[in-house]
Amino acid sequence: MTRHDPPRLTPGRGRRRAQDVRRATLAAASDLLFSQGIRSLTFEKVAARAGASKVTLYKWWPSPGALAFEAYFDAVQDTLAFPDTGDIRRDLTAQLHAFVDLLHRNGPVVAEIIGAAQSDPDLAASLSEQYIRPRRDLAVERLSTARRAGQIREDADLETIVDQLWGACYHRLLLPAEPLTTDFADALIANLFSGIAPAPHRTSAGSPRSLGHGSLAE
């Protein structure tokens, strides 16, 4: 992502609007997060960069980790929008490509946030409530629409599909034995839609015998 110098609030007469203070704080936190990492992000540093009161930051965020997460999400949420063109395979491909591109650019930051959440309950709660659950819900909602349109089998487990696709990307980010690429995303989607069971073979009578569900739509 392209970063710019965060807007710093300048002292002045009168009370500044809370939304202006919050915007400047998130911009300052984002700048610190992407340039120095989550371990360098403290309320004191953010307050100094944003020209905000440290007391205000303590009031709005339970921990620097929670602030770091909100700053990250505020910077990337538009990138992670889920398209709906009416073609579920096309939409999954577009969304996964955008996600892989985001991880290429900001992978170390994402990995740091996930790692820090293991020992920061406030960050873990923010990550779950503001990002993980809403993102899953968006994906399941789009998959549900595709199922109603007959593009996905009625018995498909939509939550598991989310884990198969996005979970695999996170796996390659955190355990990088293999590269995380858009080709990998395409392979995930191809496997999802074609299945991994052998193609149906014919019995002696000449009729095909299925070895199980082989695609999302049959």
C-alpha atoms as a PDB file:
ATOM      1  CA  MET A   1       0.000   0.000   0.000  1.00  0.00           C
ATOM      2  CA  THR A   2       1.110   3.579  -0.551  1.00  0.00           C
ATOM      3  CA  ARG A   3       1.721   5.405   2.694  1.00  0.00           C
ATOM      4  CA  HIS A   4       1.682   9.125   3.213  1.00  0.00           C
ATOM      5  CA  ASP A   5       2.693  11.237   6.176  1.00  0.00           C
ATOM      6  CA  PRO A   6      -0.172  10.984   8.673  1.00  0.00           C
ATOM      7  CA  PRO A   7      -2.174  14.140   9.339  1.00  0.00           C
ATOM      8  CA  ARG A   8      -1.025  15.651  12.613  1.00  0.00           C
ATOM      9  CA  LEU A   9      -3.505  17.574  14.706  1.00  0.00           C
ATOM     10  CA  THR A  10      -2.249  21.034  15.544  1.00  0.00           C
ATOM     11  CA  PRO A  11      -3.086  22.757  18.806  1.00  0.00           C
ATOM     12  CA  GLY A  12      -5.710  25.427  18.524  1.00  0.00           C
ATOM     13  CA  ARG A  13      -8.490  27.146  20.331  1.00  0.00           C
ATOM     14  CA  GLY A  14     -11.693  25.229  20.869  1.00  0.00           C
ATOM     15  CA  ARG A  15     -12.463  21.575  21.166  1.00  0.00           C
ATOM     16  CA  ARG A  16     -11.412  19.398  18.243  1.00  0.00           C
ATOM     17  CA  ARG A  17     -13.917  16.959  16.798  1.00  0.00           C
ATOM     18  CA  ALA A  18     -13.546  13.408  18.047  1.00  0.00           C
ATOM     19  CA  GLN A  19     -13.692  12.045  14.495  1.00  0.00           C
ATOM     20  CA  ASP A  20     -10.735  14.231  13.490  1.00  0.00           C
ATOM     21  CA  VAL A  21      -8.724  13.037  16.476  1.00  0.00           C
ATOM     22  CA  ARG A  22      -9.578   9.421  15.695  1.00  0.00           C
ATOM     23  CA  ARG A  23      -8.701   9.792  12.000  1.00  0.00           C
ATOM     24  CA  ALA A  24      -5.330  11.342  12.806  1.00  0.00           C
ATOM     25  CA  THR A  25      -4.639   8.676  15.415  1.00  0.00           C
ATOM     26  CA  LEU A  26      -5.409   5.800  13.037  1.00  0.00           C
ATOM     27  CA  ALA A  27      -3.246   7.380  10.325  1.00  0.00           C
ATOM     28  CA  ALA A  28      -0.335   7.775  12.742  1.00  0.00           C
ATOM     29  CA  ALA A  29      -0.756   4.224  14.039  1.00  0.00           C
ATOM     30  CA  SER A  30      -0.897   2.861  10.488  1.00  0.00           C
ATOM     31  CA  ASP A  31       2.306   4.691   9.584  1.00  0.00           C
ATOM     32  CA  LEU A  32       4.116   3.260  12.608  1.00  0.00           C
ATOM     33  CA  LEU A  33       2.719  -0.226  12.044  1.00  0.00           C
ATOM     34  CA  PHE A  34       3.752  -0.513   8.403  1.00  0.00           C
ATOM     35  CA  SER A  35       7.126   1.207   8.806  1.00  0.00           C
ATOM     36  CA  GLN A  36       8.354  -0.183  12.140  1.00  0.00           C
ATOM     37  CA  GLY A  37       6.126  -3.130  13.056  1.00  0.00           C
ATOM     38  CA  ILE A  38       3.661  -3.796  15.823  1.00  0.00           C
ATOM     39  CA  ARG A  39       6.286  -3.975  18.571  1.00  0.00           C
ATOM     40  CA  SER A  40       7.208  -0.345  17.957  1.00  0.00           C
ATOM     41  CA  LEU A  41       3.635   0.869  18.216  1.00  0.00           C
ATOM     42  CA  THR A  42       2.942   2.424  21.611  1.00  0.00           C
ATOM     43  CA  PHE A  43       0.296   4.871  22.760  1.00  0.00           C
ATOM     44  CA  GLU A  44       3.022   7.399  23.526  1.00  0.00           C
ATOM     45  CA  LYS A  45       4.510   7.265  20.013  1.00  0.00           C
ATOM     46  CA  VAL A  46       1.117   7.359  18.296  1.00  0.00           C
ATOM     47  CA  ALA A  47      -0.111  10.253  20.432  1.00  0.00           C
ATOM     48  CA  ALA A  48       3.037  12.233  19.661  1.00  0.00           C
ATOM     49  CA  ARG A  49       2.739  11.609  15.915  1.00  0.00           C
ATOM     50  CA  ALA A  50      -0.967  12.354  15.794  1.00  0.00           C
ATOM     51  CA  GLY A  51      -0.863  15.373  18.090  1.00  0.00           C
ATOM     52  CA  ALA A  52      -3.456  13.663  20.271  1.00  0.00           C
ATOM     53  CA  SER A  53      -3.738  13.054  23.993  1.00  0.00           C
ATOM     54  CA  LYS A  54      -2.403   9.751  25.273  1.00  0.00           C
ATOM     55  CA  VAL A  55      -5.296   9.714  27.751  1.00  0.00           C
ATOM     56  CA  THR A  56      -7.719   9.735  24.814  1.00  0.00           C
ATOM     57  CA  LEU A  57      -5.992   6.727  23.270  1.00  0.00           C
ATOM     58  CA  TYR A  58      -6.281   4.784  26.534  1.00  0.00           C
ATOM     59  CA  LYS A  59      -9.972   5.656  26.611  1.00  0.00           C
ATOM     60  CA  TRP A  60     -10.662   4.483  23.050  1.00  0.00           C
ATOM     61  CA  TRP A  61      -8.468   1.377  22.805  1.00  0.00           C
ATOM     62  CA  PRO A  62      -7.805  -1.244  25.512  1.00  0.00           C
ATOM     63  CA  SER A  63      -4.257  -1.915  24.277  1.00  0.00           C
ATOM     64  CA  PRO A  64      -1.750  -0.764  21.643  1.00  0.00           C
ATOM     65  CA  GLY A  65      -2.388  -4.080  19.888  1.00  0.00           C
ATOM     66  CA  ALA A  66      -6.076  -3.299  19.525  1.00  0.00           C
ATOM     67  CA  LEU A  67      -5.177   0.114  18.098  1.00  0.00           C
ATOM     68  CA  ALA A  68      -2.678  -1.505  15.718  1.00  0.00           C
ATOM     69  CA  PHE A  69      -5.335  -3.878  14.423  1.00  0.00           C
ATOM     70  CA  GLU A  70      -7.901  -1.133  13.844  1.00  0.00           C
ATOM     71  CA  ALA A  71      -5.289   0.938  12.029  1.00  0.00           C
ATOM     72  CA  TYR A  72      -4.446  -2.042   9.812  1.00  0.00           C
ATOM     73  CA  PHE A  73      -8.067  -2.822   9.030  1.00  0.00           C
ATOM     74  CA  ASP A  74      -8.866   0.829   8.363  1.00  0.00           C
ATOM     75  CA  ALA A  75      -6.066   0.866   5.779  1.00  0.00           C
ATOM     76  CA  VAL A  76      -7.030  -2.340   3.928  1.00  0.00           C
ATOM     77  CA  GLN A  77     -10.789  -2.823   4.243  1.00  0.00           C
ATOM     78  CA  ASP A  78     -11.546  -1.444   0.764  1.00  0.00           C
ATOM     79  CA  THR A  79      -9.052  -3.889  -0.754  1.00  0.00           C
ATOM     80  CA  LEU A  80     -10.883  -6.819   0.820  1.00  0.00           C
ATOM     81  CA  ALA A  81     -14.358  -5.962  -0.460  1.00  0.00           C
ATOM     82  CA  PHE A  82     -16.155  -9.057  -1.760  1.00  0.00           C
ATOM     83  CA  PRO A  83     -17.474  -8.673  -5.333  1.00  0.00           C
ATOM     84  CA  ASP A  84     -20.779 -10.072  -6.570  1.00  0.00           C
ATOM     85  CA  THR A  85     -20.918 -10.336 -10.356  1.00  0.00           C
ATOM     86  CA  GLY A  86     -23.313 -13.256 -10.311  1.00  0.00           C
ATOM     87  CA  ASP A  87     -20.495 -15.716 -11.099  1.00  0.00           C
ATOM     88  CA  ILE A  88     -19.225 -17.287  -7.867  1.00  0.00           C
ATOM     89  CA  ARG A  89     -16.062 -18.732  -9.370  1.00  0.00           C
ATOM     90  CA  ARG A  90     -15.100 -15.370 -10.866  1.00  0.00           C
ATOM     91  CA  ASP A  91     -15.855 -13.602  -7.582  1.00  0.00           C
ATOM     92  CA  LEU A  92     -13.870 -16.066  -5.476  1.00  0.00           C
ATOM     93  CA  THR A  93     -10.941 -15.692  -7.874  1.00  0.00           C
ATOM     94  CA  ALA A  94     -11.054 -11.884  -7.744  1.00  0.00           C
ATOM     95  CA  GLN A  95     -11.277 -11.835  -3.951  1.00  0.00           C
ATOM     96  CA  LEU A  96      -8.496 -14.376  -3.404  1.00  0.00           C
ATOM     97  CA  HIS A  97      -6.222 -12.572  -5.869  1.00  0.00           C
ATOM     98  CA  ALA A  98      -6.789  -9.306  -3.969  1.00  0.00           C
ATOM     99  CA  PHE A  99      -6.120 -11.098  -0.676  1.00  0.00           C
ATOM    100  CA  VAL A 100      -2.903 -12.718  -1.931  1.00  0.00           C
ATOM    101  CA  ASP A 101      -1.727  -9.342  -3.273  1.00  0.00           C
ATOM    102  CA  LEU A 102      -2.441  -7.762   0.107  1.00  0.00           C
ATOM    103  CA  LEU A 103      -0.439 -10.465   1.893  1.00  0.00           C
ATOM    104  CA  HIS A 104       2.444  -9.971  -0.527  1.00  0.00           C
ATOM    105  CA  ARG A 105       2.596  -6.274   0.346  1.00  0.00           C
ATOM    106  CA  ASN A 106       1.796  -6.476   4.047  1.00  0.00           C
ATOM    107  CA  GLY A 107       2.476 -10.088   4.996  1.00  0.00           C
ATOM    108  CA  PRO A 108       4.942  -9.348   7.826  1.00  0.00           C
ATOM    109  CA  VAL A 109       2.454  -6.952   9.445  1.00  0.00           C
ATOM    110  CA  VAL A 110      -0.386  -9.486   9.178  1.00  0.00           C
ATOM    111  CA  ALA A 111       1.821 -12.212  10.645  1.00  0.00           C
ATOM    112  CA  GLU A 112       2.852  -9.899  13.503  1.00  0.00           C
ATOM    113  CA  ILE A 113      -0.776  -9.085  14.317  1.00  0.00           C
ATOM    114  CA  ILE A 114      -1.736 -12.776  14.337  1.00  0.00           C
ATOM    115  CA  GLY A 115       1.278 -13.620  16.501  1.00  0.00           C
ATOM    116  CA  ALA A 116       0.677 -10.769  18.954  1.00  0.00           C
ATOM    117  CA  ALA A 117      -2.973 -11.795  19.315  1.00  0.00           C
ATOM    118  CA  GLN A 118      -1.869 -15.065  20.918  1.00  0.00           C
ATOM    119  CA  SER A 119      -0.724 -13.181  24.038  1.00  0.00           C
ATOM    120  CA  ASP A 120      -2.881 -10.036  23.863  1.00  0.00           C
ATOM    121  CA  PRO A 121      -6.511 -10.826  24.761  1.00  0.00           C
ATOM    122  CA  ASP A 122      -7.697  -7.355  23.739  1.00  0.00           C
ATOM    123  CA  LEU A 123      -6.095  -7.670  20.325  1.00  0.00           C
ATOM    124  CA  ALA A 124      -7.446 -11.213  19.962  1.00  0.00           C
ATOM    125  CA  ALA A 125     -10.959  -9.984  20.752  1.00  0.00           C
ATOM    126  CA  SER A 126     -10.698  -7.100  18.274  1.00  0.00           C
ATOM    127  CA  LEU A 127      -9.305  -9.403  15.594  1.00  0.00           C
ATOM    128  CA  SER A 128     -12.154 -11.864  16.077  1.00  0.00           C
ATOM    129  CA  GLU A 129     -15.026  -9.406  16.450  1.00  0.00           C
ATOM    130  CA  GLN A 130     -14.012  -6.771  13.905  1.00  0.00           C
ATOM    131  CA  TYR A 131     -12.203  -8.807  11.271  1.00  0.00           C
ATOM    132  CA  ILE A 132     -12.369 -12.598  11.362  1.00  0.00           C
ATOM    133  CA  ARG A 133     -16.072 -13.072  12.013  1.00  0.00           C
ATOM    134  CA  PRO A 134     -17.269 -10.254   9.724  1.00  0.00           C
ATOM    135  CA  ARG A 135     -14.957 -11.457   6.916  1.00  0.00           C
ATOM    136  CA  ARG A 136     -16.219 -15.018   7.265  1.00  0.00           C
ATOM    137  CA  ASP A 137     -19.799 -13.796   7.277  1.00  0.00           C
ATOM    138  CA  LEU A 138     -19.236 -11.856   4.041  1.00  0.00           C
ATOM    139  CA  ALA A 139     -17.783 -14.927   2.345  1.00  0.00           C
ATOM    140  CA  VAL A 140     -20.535 -17.232   3.608  1.00  0.00           C
ATOM    141  CA  GLU A 141     -23.177 -14.730   2.521  1.00  0.00           C
ATOM    142  CA  ARG A 142     -21.727 -14.626  -1.009  1.00  0.00           C
ATOM    143  CA  LEU A 143     -21.507 -18.428  -1.113  1.00  0.00           C
ATOM    144  CA  SER A 144     -25.092 -18.686   0.137  1.00  0.00           C
ATOM    145  CA  THR A 145     -26.241 -16.444  -2.712  1.00  0.00           C
ATOM    146  CA  ALA A 146     -24.407 -18.717  -5.152  1.00  0.00           C
ATOM    147  CA  ARG A 147     -26.048 -21.774  -3.598  1.00  0.00           C
ATOM    148  CA  ARG A 148     -29.498 -20.253  -4.027  1.00  0.00           C
ATOM    149  CA  ALA A 149     -28.584 -19.579  -7.670  1.00  0.00           C
ATOM    150  CA  GLY A 150     -27.710 -23.244  -8.164  1.00  0.00           C
ATOM    151  CA  GLN A 151     -23.964 -22.619  -8.536  1.00  0.00           C
ATOM    152  CA  ILE A 152     -23.090 -24.562  -5.395  1.00  0.00           C
ATOM    153  CA  ARG A 153     -24.461 -27.884  -4.159  1.00  0.00           C
ATOM    154  CA  GLU A 154     -27.144 -27.709  -1.503  1.00  0.00           C
ATOM    155  CA  ASP A 155     -25.134 -29.904   0.880  1.00  0.00           C
ATOM    156  CA  ALA A 156     -21.876 -27.940   0.578  1.00  0.00           C
ATOM    157  CA  ASP A 157     -20.423 -26.827   3.933  1.00  0.00           C
ATOM    158  CA  LEU A 158     -19.885 -23.117   3.364  1.00  0.00           C
ATOM    159  CA  GLU A 159     -17.831 -22.477   6.513  1.00  0.00           C
ATOM    160  CA  THR A 160     -15.454 -25.249   5.462  1.00  0.00           C
ATOM    161  CA  ILE A 161     -15.093 -23.707   1.999  1.00  0.00           C
ATOM    162  CA  VAL A 162     -13.941 -20.483   3.680  1.00  0.00           C
ATOM    163  CA  ASP A 163     -11.328 -22.443   5.645  1.00  0.00           C
ATOM    164  CA  GLN A 164     -10.182 -24.311   2.532  1.00  0.00           C
ATOM    165  CA  LEU A 165      -9.551 -21.122   0.576  1.00  0.00           C
ATOM    166  CA  TRP A 166      -8.519 -18.351   2.966  1.00  0.00           C
ATOM    167  CA  GLY A 167      -7.128 -20.706   5.601  1.00  0.00           C
ATOM    168  CA  ALA A 168      -4.754 -22.172   3.027  1.00  0.00           C
ATOM    169  CA  CYS A 169      -3.476 -18.677   2.189  1.00  0.00           C
ATOM    170  CA  TYR A 170      -2.844 -17.903   5.853  1.00  0.00           C
ATOM    171  CA  HIS A 171      -1.062 -21.249   6.164  1.00  0.00           C
ATOM    172  CA  ARG A 172       1.399 -20.341   3.416  1.00  0.00           C
ATOM    173  CA  LEU A 173       1.893 -16.903   4.946  1.00  0.00           C
ATOM    174  CA  LEU A 174       2.715 -18.209   8.420  1.00  0.00           C
ATOM    175  CA  LEU A 175       4.459 -21.459   7.406  1.00  0.00           C
ATOM    176  CA  PRO A 176       6.144 -20.470   4.138  1.00  0.00           C
ATOM    177  CA  ALA A 177       7.380 -23.825   2.875  1.00  0.00           C
ATOM    178  CA  GLU A 178       5.721 -23.029  -0.469  1.00  0.00           C
ATOM    179  CA  PRO A 179       5.128 -19.631  -2.122  1.00  0.00           C
ATOM    180  CA  LEU A 180       1.871 -17.746  -1.749  1.00  0.00           C
ATOM    181  CA  THR A 181       0.897 -16.745  -5.284  1.00  0.00           C
ATOM    182  CA  THR A 182      -2.176 -16.087  -7.382  1.00  0.00           C
ATOM    183  CA  ASP A 183      -1.419 -19.368  -9.190  1.00  0.00           C
ATOM    184  CA  PHE A 184      -1.790 -21.076  -5.823  1.00  0.00           C
ATOM    185  CA  ALA A 185      -5.120 -19.295  -5.299  1.00  0.00           C
ATOM    186  CA  ASP A 186      -6.273 -20.451  -8.730  1.00  0.00           C
ATOM    187  CA  ALA A 187      -5.269 -24.031  -7.902  1.00  0.00           C
ATOM    188  CA  LEU A 188      -7.254 -23.883  -4.659  1.00  0.00           C
ATOM    189  CA  ILE A 189     -10.351 -22.761  -6.541  1.00  0.00           C
ATOM    190  CA  ALA A 190      -9.829 -25.349  -9.299  1.00  0.00           C
ATOM    191  CA  ASN A 191      -9.566 -28.137  -6.731  1.00  0.00           C
ATOM    192  CA  LEU A 192     -12.643 -26.819  -4.960  1.00  0.00           C
ATOM    193  CA  PHE A 193     -14.808 -26.834  -8.050  1.00  0.00           C
ATOM    194  CA  SER A 194     -13.498 -30.007  -9.681  1.00  0.00           C
ATOM    195  CA  GLY A 195     -12.909 -32.016  -6.518  1.00  0.00           C
ATOM    196  CA  ILE A 196     -10.042 -34.437  -6.016  1.00  0.00           C
ATOM    197  CA  ALA A 197     -11.898 -37.729  -6.425  1.00  0.00           C
ATOM    198  CA  PRO A 198     -11.186 -39.662  -9.647  1.00  0.00           C
ATOM    199  CA  ALA A 199     -13.540 -38.985 -12.514  1.00  0.00           C
ATOM    200  CA  PRO A 200     -16.596 -41.284 -12.656  1.00  0.00           C
ATOM    201  CA  HIS A 201     -15.844 -44.553 -14.454  1.00  0.00           C
ATOM    202  CA  ARG A 202     -18.160 -46.806 -16.331  1.00  0.00           C
ATOM    203  CA  THR A 203     -19.515 -50.095 -15.070  1.00  0.00           C
ATOM    204  CA  SER A 204     -19.634 -53.185 -17.245  1.00  0.00           C
ATOM    205  CA  ALA A 205     -23.143 -52.154 -18.283  1.00  0.00           C
ATOM    206  CA  GLY A 206     -21.715 -48.896 -19.618  1.00  0.00           C
ATOM    207  CA  SER A 207     -23.317 -46.570 -17.083  1.00  0.00           C
ATOM    208  CA  PRO A 208     -21.122 -44.155 -15.116  1.00  0.00           C
ATOM    209  CA  ARG A 209     -20.588 -44.841 -11.427  1.00  0.00           C
ATOM    210  CA  SER A 210     -19.741 -41.878  -9.261  1.00  0.00           C
ATOM    211  CA  LEU A 211     -17.089 -42.181  -6.555  1.00  0.00           C
ATOM    212  CA  GLY A 212     -18.533 -39.284  -4.578  1.00  0.00           C
ATOM    213  CA  HIS A 213     -19.249 -35.594  -4.927  1.00  0.00           C
ATOM    214  CA  GLY A 214     -16.709 -34.175  -7.311  1.00  0.00           C
ATOM    215  CA  SER A 215     -17.661 -30.500  -7.569  1.00  0.00           C
ATOM    216  CA  LEU A 216     -19.459 -27.665  -5.886  1.00  0.00           C
ATOM    217  CA  ALA A 217     -22.356 -27.936  -8.302  1.00  0.00           C
ATOM    218  CA  GLU A 218     -23.756 -31.134  -9.780  1.00  0.00           C
END
